[in-house]
Amino acid sequence: MQYNNETRATISPNDRKLPKAQQVILAVILFGYPLISWLLNYINPPSETVIQSRISQVYIPAILIQTLVFLVIIWATTKTADGQINLSNIAGIGIKPKDFNLLNLAIGIMFLFTALIILNIISNIIDYYGIFRAEDITYLLPRSPEEKVFWIMLSLIAGVTEELCFRGFVITRLAILTGSVWPGAILGAVSFGLGHLYQGWAGVAIIGIYGLLFSLLFIARGSLV
């Protein structure tokens, strides 16, 4: 079943169910992703001393994982009950080709700058009052020209995949199950933030708020584009 702003009020309790594949993916995103992040952070915390090559140890694995997640979500969303693939189903998670235009691009850019200003203010408040401890992750940033190329690739792929996961998929799938967009918006933002635990609790808070802001944008517009 697809879900969008037009069908929100028409979903009956009998229709509030998801295919098994989507249920598994939803559980992995909401619970598995934060759990893996916690385990990796506390059992084998990242550090500059264990990273010999940012490209081969960080960027390429992350690119491959993000790409795999993207493809799995697209597959689970477009797969029909008879095993066929219906690409039009991607509209149900907010990917609507008709929304690819300059106006929406401008809206997205303006919202991004507004969100960055808000997050900068929150970050300064956290730093000033020492509410949460931030981790130094500068060792993950690119330094050489080659690293910068892979960093840009990772940033683009991660941005698309994370929006698809935590906004397009989580919000719409939980909306089908609950009849409301808010469980997905809140739980998705929490999971998104916890998935960045390697940045410290300050990073978790800031990224969680970032996710919530973009969840609100998705709810308002019904589109990821």
Protein backbone atom coordinates (compact mmCIF):
# COMPACT_ATOMS: atom_id res chain seq x y z
CA MET A 1 0.00 0.00 0.00
CA GLN A 2 1.15 3.51 -0.77
CA TYR A 3 0.85 6.30 1.74
CA ASN A 4 0.69 10.02 1.14
CA ASN A 5 -1.10 13.12 2.40
CA GLU A 6 -4.12 12.40 0.20
CA THR A 7 -4.66 8.88 1.56
CA ARG A 8 -3.86 9.62 5.20
CA ALA A 9 -7.46 9.89 6.33
CA THR A 10 -8.69 6.92 4.27
CA ILE A 11 -6.57 4.15 5.80
CA SER A 12 -8.82 1.80 7.73
CA PRO A 13 -7.61 -0.34 10.65
CA ASN A 14 -7.89 -3.44 8.45
CA ASP A 15 -5.42 -1.95 5.97
CA ARG A 16 -2.81 -1.09 8.59
CA LYS A 17 -0.36 -3.82 7.76
CA LEU A 18 2.92 -4.05 5.89
CA PRO A 19 4.57 -6.77 3.82
CA LYS A 20 7.04 -8.85 5.83
CA ALA A 21 10.05 -7.37 4.05
CA GLN A 22 8.98 -3.84 4.95
CA GLN A 23 8.34 -4.86 8.56
CA VAL A 24 11.87 -6.26 8.83
CA ILE A 25 13.44 -3.17 7.26
CA LEU A 26 11.43 -0.89 9.54
CA ALA A 27 12.60 -2.81 12.62
CA VAL A 28 16.22 -2.72 11.46
CA ILE A 29 16.11 1.04 10.85
CA LEU A 30 14.41 1.90 14.14
CA PHE A 31 16.14 -0.58 16.45
CA GLY A 32 18.97 -2.39 14.68
CA TYR A 33 20.68 0.75 13.39
CA PRO A 34 20.97 2.46 16.82
CA LEU A 35 21.97 -0.85 18.46
CA ILE A 36 24.76 -1.47 15.94
CA SER A 37 25.91 2.12 16.39
CA TRP A 38 26.05 1.64 20.17
CA LEU A 39 27.90 -1.67 19.92
CA LEU A 40 30.48 -0.32 17.49
CA ASN A 41 30.95 2.82 19.56
CA TYR A 42 31.47 1.10 22.91
CA ILE A 43 32.97 -2.25 21.96
CA ASN A 44 35.26 -0.99 19.21
CA PRO A 45 35.24 2.82 19.37
CA PRO A 46 36.59 4.60 16.30
CA SER A 47 39.89 6.37 16.69
CA GLU A 48 42.54 7.91 14.50
CA THR A 49 45.10 5.31 15.58
CA VAL A 50 43.23 2.41 13.93
CA ILE A 51 42.52 4.19 10.65
CA GLN A 52 45.32 3.79 8.15
CA SER A 53 43.29 4.79 5.10
CA ARG A 54 40.12 6.86 5.27
CA ILE A 55 39.22 5.87 1.72
CA SER A 56 39.41 2.08 2.11
CA GLN A 57 38.42 1.82 5.78
CA VAL A 58 35.75 4.51 6.06
CA TYR A 59 34.53 6.08 2.83
CA ILE A 60 34.22 3.09 0.48
CA PRO A 61 32.58 0.75 3.06
CA ALA A 62 30.13 3.51 3.99
CA ILE A 63 29.33 4.18 0.33
CA LEU A 64 28.68 0.48 -0.31
CA ILE A 65 26.47 0.12 2.78
CA GLN A 66 24.46 3.25 1.96
CA THR A 67 23.98 2.09 -1.63
CA LEU A 68 22.85 -1.35 -0.48
CA VAL A 69 20.35 0.15 1.97
CA PHE A 70 18.99 2.42 -0.76
CA LEU A 71 18.50 -0.49 -3.17
CA VAL A 72 16.90 -2.72 -0.52
CA ILE A 73 14.35 -0.05 0.41
CA ILE A 74 13.51 0.61 -3.24
CA TRP A 75 13.12 -3.13 -3.81
CA ALA A 76 10.90 -3.65 -0.75
CA THR A 77 8.75 -0.67 -1.65
CA THR A 78 8.26 -1.50 -5.32
CA LYS A 79 7.80 -5.26 -4.89
CA THR A 80 4.15 -6.25 -5.33
CA ALA A 81 2.26 -9.13 -3.72
CA ASP A 82 2.75 -11.29 -6.83
CA GLY A 83 6.51 -10.73 -6.82
CA GLN A 84 6.58 -8.17 -9.61
CA ILE A 85 8.27 -4.77 -9.47
CA ASN A 86 6.09 -1.68 -9.78
CA LEU A 87 8.29 1.42 -9.84
CA SER A 88 5.29 3.72 -9.46
CA ASN A 89 5.11 2.60 -5.81
CA ILE A 90 8.09 4.82 -4.98
CA ALA A 91 5.64 7.72 -4.92
CA GLY A 92 4.35 6.21 -1.67
CA ILE A 93 7.67 6.98 0.05
CA GLY A 94 7.90 10.49 -1.30
CA ILE A 95 9.82 10.03 -4.56
CA LYS A 96 7.65 11.81 -7.09
CA PRO A 97 9.21 12.66 -10.47
CA LYS A 98 6.74 15.51 -10.99
CA ASP A 99 8.26 17.29 -7.98
CA PHE A 100 11.69 17.61 -9.61
CA ASN A 101 11.64 21.32 -10.47
CA LEU A 102 13.44 24.58 -9.69
CA LEU A 103 10.80 25.74 -7.21
CA ASN A 104 11.22 22.67 -5.01
CA LEU A 105 14.99 22.98 -5.32
CA ALA A 106 14.78 26.55 -4.06
CA ILE A 107 12.49 25.51 -1.20
CA GLY A 108 14.91 22.76 -0.22
CA ILE A 109 17.92 25.09 -0.26
CA MET A 110 16.15 27.73 1.81
CA PHE A 111 14.99 25.14 4.33
CA LEU A 112 18.49 23.69 4.54
CA PHE A 113 20.03 27.08 5.34
CA THR A 114 17.31 27.76 7.92
CA ALA A 115 17.91 24.37 9.54
CA LEU A 116 21.66 24.98 9.64
CA ILE A 117 21.13 28.31 11.40
CA ILE A 118 18.86 26.68 13.98
CA LEU A 119 21.31 23.83 14.51
CA ASN A 120 24.21 26.24 14.88
CA ILE A 121 22.32 28.09 17.62
CA ILE A 122 21.51 24.82 19.39
CA SER A 123 25.13 23.66 19.04
CA ASN A 124 26.39 26.89 20.61
CA ILE A 125 23.96 26.50 23.51
CA ILE A 126 25.11 22.91 24.08
CA ASP A 127 28.76 23.97 23.98
CA TYR A 128 28.21 26.97 26.26
CA TYR A 129 26.38 25.07 28.98
CA GLY A 130 28.29 21.81 28.50
CA ILE A 131 25.05 19.87 28.30
CA PHE A 132 26.55 16.99 26.33
CA ARG A 133 30.07 15.92 25.56
CA ALA A 134 31.10 16.18 21.92
CA GLU A 135 33.57 13.81 20.31
CA ASP A 136 36.41 14.93 18.07
CA ILE A 137 35.71 13.40 14.65
CA THR A 138 38.00 15.60 12.59
CA TYR A 139 40.16 12.57 11.84
CA LEU A 140 37.30 11.30 9.65
CA LEU A 141 37.40 14.40 7.44
CA PRO A 142 39.20 14.29 4.08
CA ARG A 143 42.62 15.81 3.64
CA SER A 144 43.98 14.79 0.26
CA PRO A 145 42.28 15.56 -3.10
CA GLU A 146 41.46 11.86 -3.55
CA GLU A 147 39.84 11.70 -0.12
CA LYS A 148 37.77 14.76 -0.92
CA VAL A 149 36.37 13.07 -4.03
CA PHE A 150 35.24 10.04 -2.02
CA TRP A 151 33.97 12.30 0.78
CA ILE A 152 31.74 14.17 -1.67
CA MET A 153 30.45 10.89 -3.10
CA LEU A 154 29.70 9.59 0.40
CA SER A 155 27.98 12.82 1.44
CA LEU A 156 25.68 12.75 -1.59
CA ILE A 157 24.82 9.05 -1.30
CA ALA A 158 24.35 9.21 2.48
CA GLY A 159 22.15 12.29 2.21
CA VAL A 160 19.83 10.62 -0.30
CA THR A 161 19.73 7.29 1.54
CA GLU A 162 19.14 8.79 4.97
CA GLU A 163 16.27 10.92 3.69
CA LEU A 164 14.79 7.84 2.04
CA CYS A 165 15.19 5.75 5.21
CA PHE A 166 14.23 8.06 8.03
CA ARG A 167 11.78 10.33 6.28
CA GLY A 168 10.35 8.61 3.22
CA PHE A 169 10.25 5.04 4.54
CA VAL A 170 9.91 5.27 8.32
CA ILE A 171 7.29 8.02 8.40
CA THR A 172 5.07 6.51 5.70
CA ARG A 173 5.35 2.92 6.92
CA LEU A 174 4.57 3.81 10.54
CA ALA A 175 1.77 6.03 9.30
CA ILE A 176 0.21 3.01 7.64
CA LEU A 177 0.52 1.02 10.87
CA THR A 178 -0.65 3.75 13.25
CA GLY A 179 -2.72 6.11 11.12
CA SER A 180 -0.50 9.05 12.10
CA VAL A 181 2.69 10.57 10.73
CA TRP A 182 3.99 11.61 14.16
CA PRO A 183 5.26 8.25 15.46
CA GLY A 184 7.46 7.96 12.39
CA ALA A 185 8.64 11.55 12.63
CA ILE A 186 9.64 11.21 16.29
CA LEU A 187 10.99 7.65 16.31
CA GLY A 188 12.79 8.24 13.02
CA ALA A 189 14.51 11.34 14.39
CA VAL A 190 15.54 9.50 17.57
CA SER A 191 16.93 6.54 15.61
CA PHE A 192 18.68 8.89 13.18
CA GLY A 193 20.35 10.72 16.04
CA LEU A 194 21.38 7.56 17.92
CA GLY A 195 22.91 6.20 14.74
CA HIS A 196 25.53 8.95 15.03
CA LEU A 197 26.60 8.06 18.57
CA TYR A 198 30.25 8.12 17.50
CA GLN A 199 29.90 11.92 17.48
CA GLY A 200 29.05 11.95 21.18
CA TRP A 201 25.74 12.83 22.81
CA ALA A 202 26.03 16.40 21.56
CA GLY A 203 26.15 15.04 18.02
CA VAL A 204 23.21 12.73 18.72
CA ALA A 205 21.10 15.64 19.97
CA ILE A 206 21.96 17.96 17.09
CA ILE A 207 21.52 15.35 14.38
CA GLY A 208 18.29 14.13 15.96
CA ILE A 209 16.89 17.67 15.85
CA TYR A 210 18.14 17.99 12.27
CA GLY A 211 16.23 14.81 11.41
CA LEU A 212 13.08 16.09 13.09
CA LEU A 213 13.23 19.36 11.15
CA PHE A 214 13.42 17.50 7.86
CA SER A 215 10.66 15.17 9.00
CA LEU A 216 8.44 18.20 9.47
CA LEU A 217 9.31 19.37 5.97
CA PHE A 218 8.44 15.95 4.56
CA ILE A 219 5.13 15.86 6.42
CA ALA A 220 4.24 19.34 5.22
CA ARG A 221 5.07 18.61 1.59
CA GLY A 222 4.49 14.88 1.28
CA SER A 223 7.58 14.58 -0.88
CA LEU A 224 11.31 14.00 -0.52
CA VAL A 225 12.03 16.11 -3.57
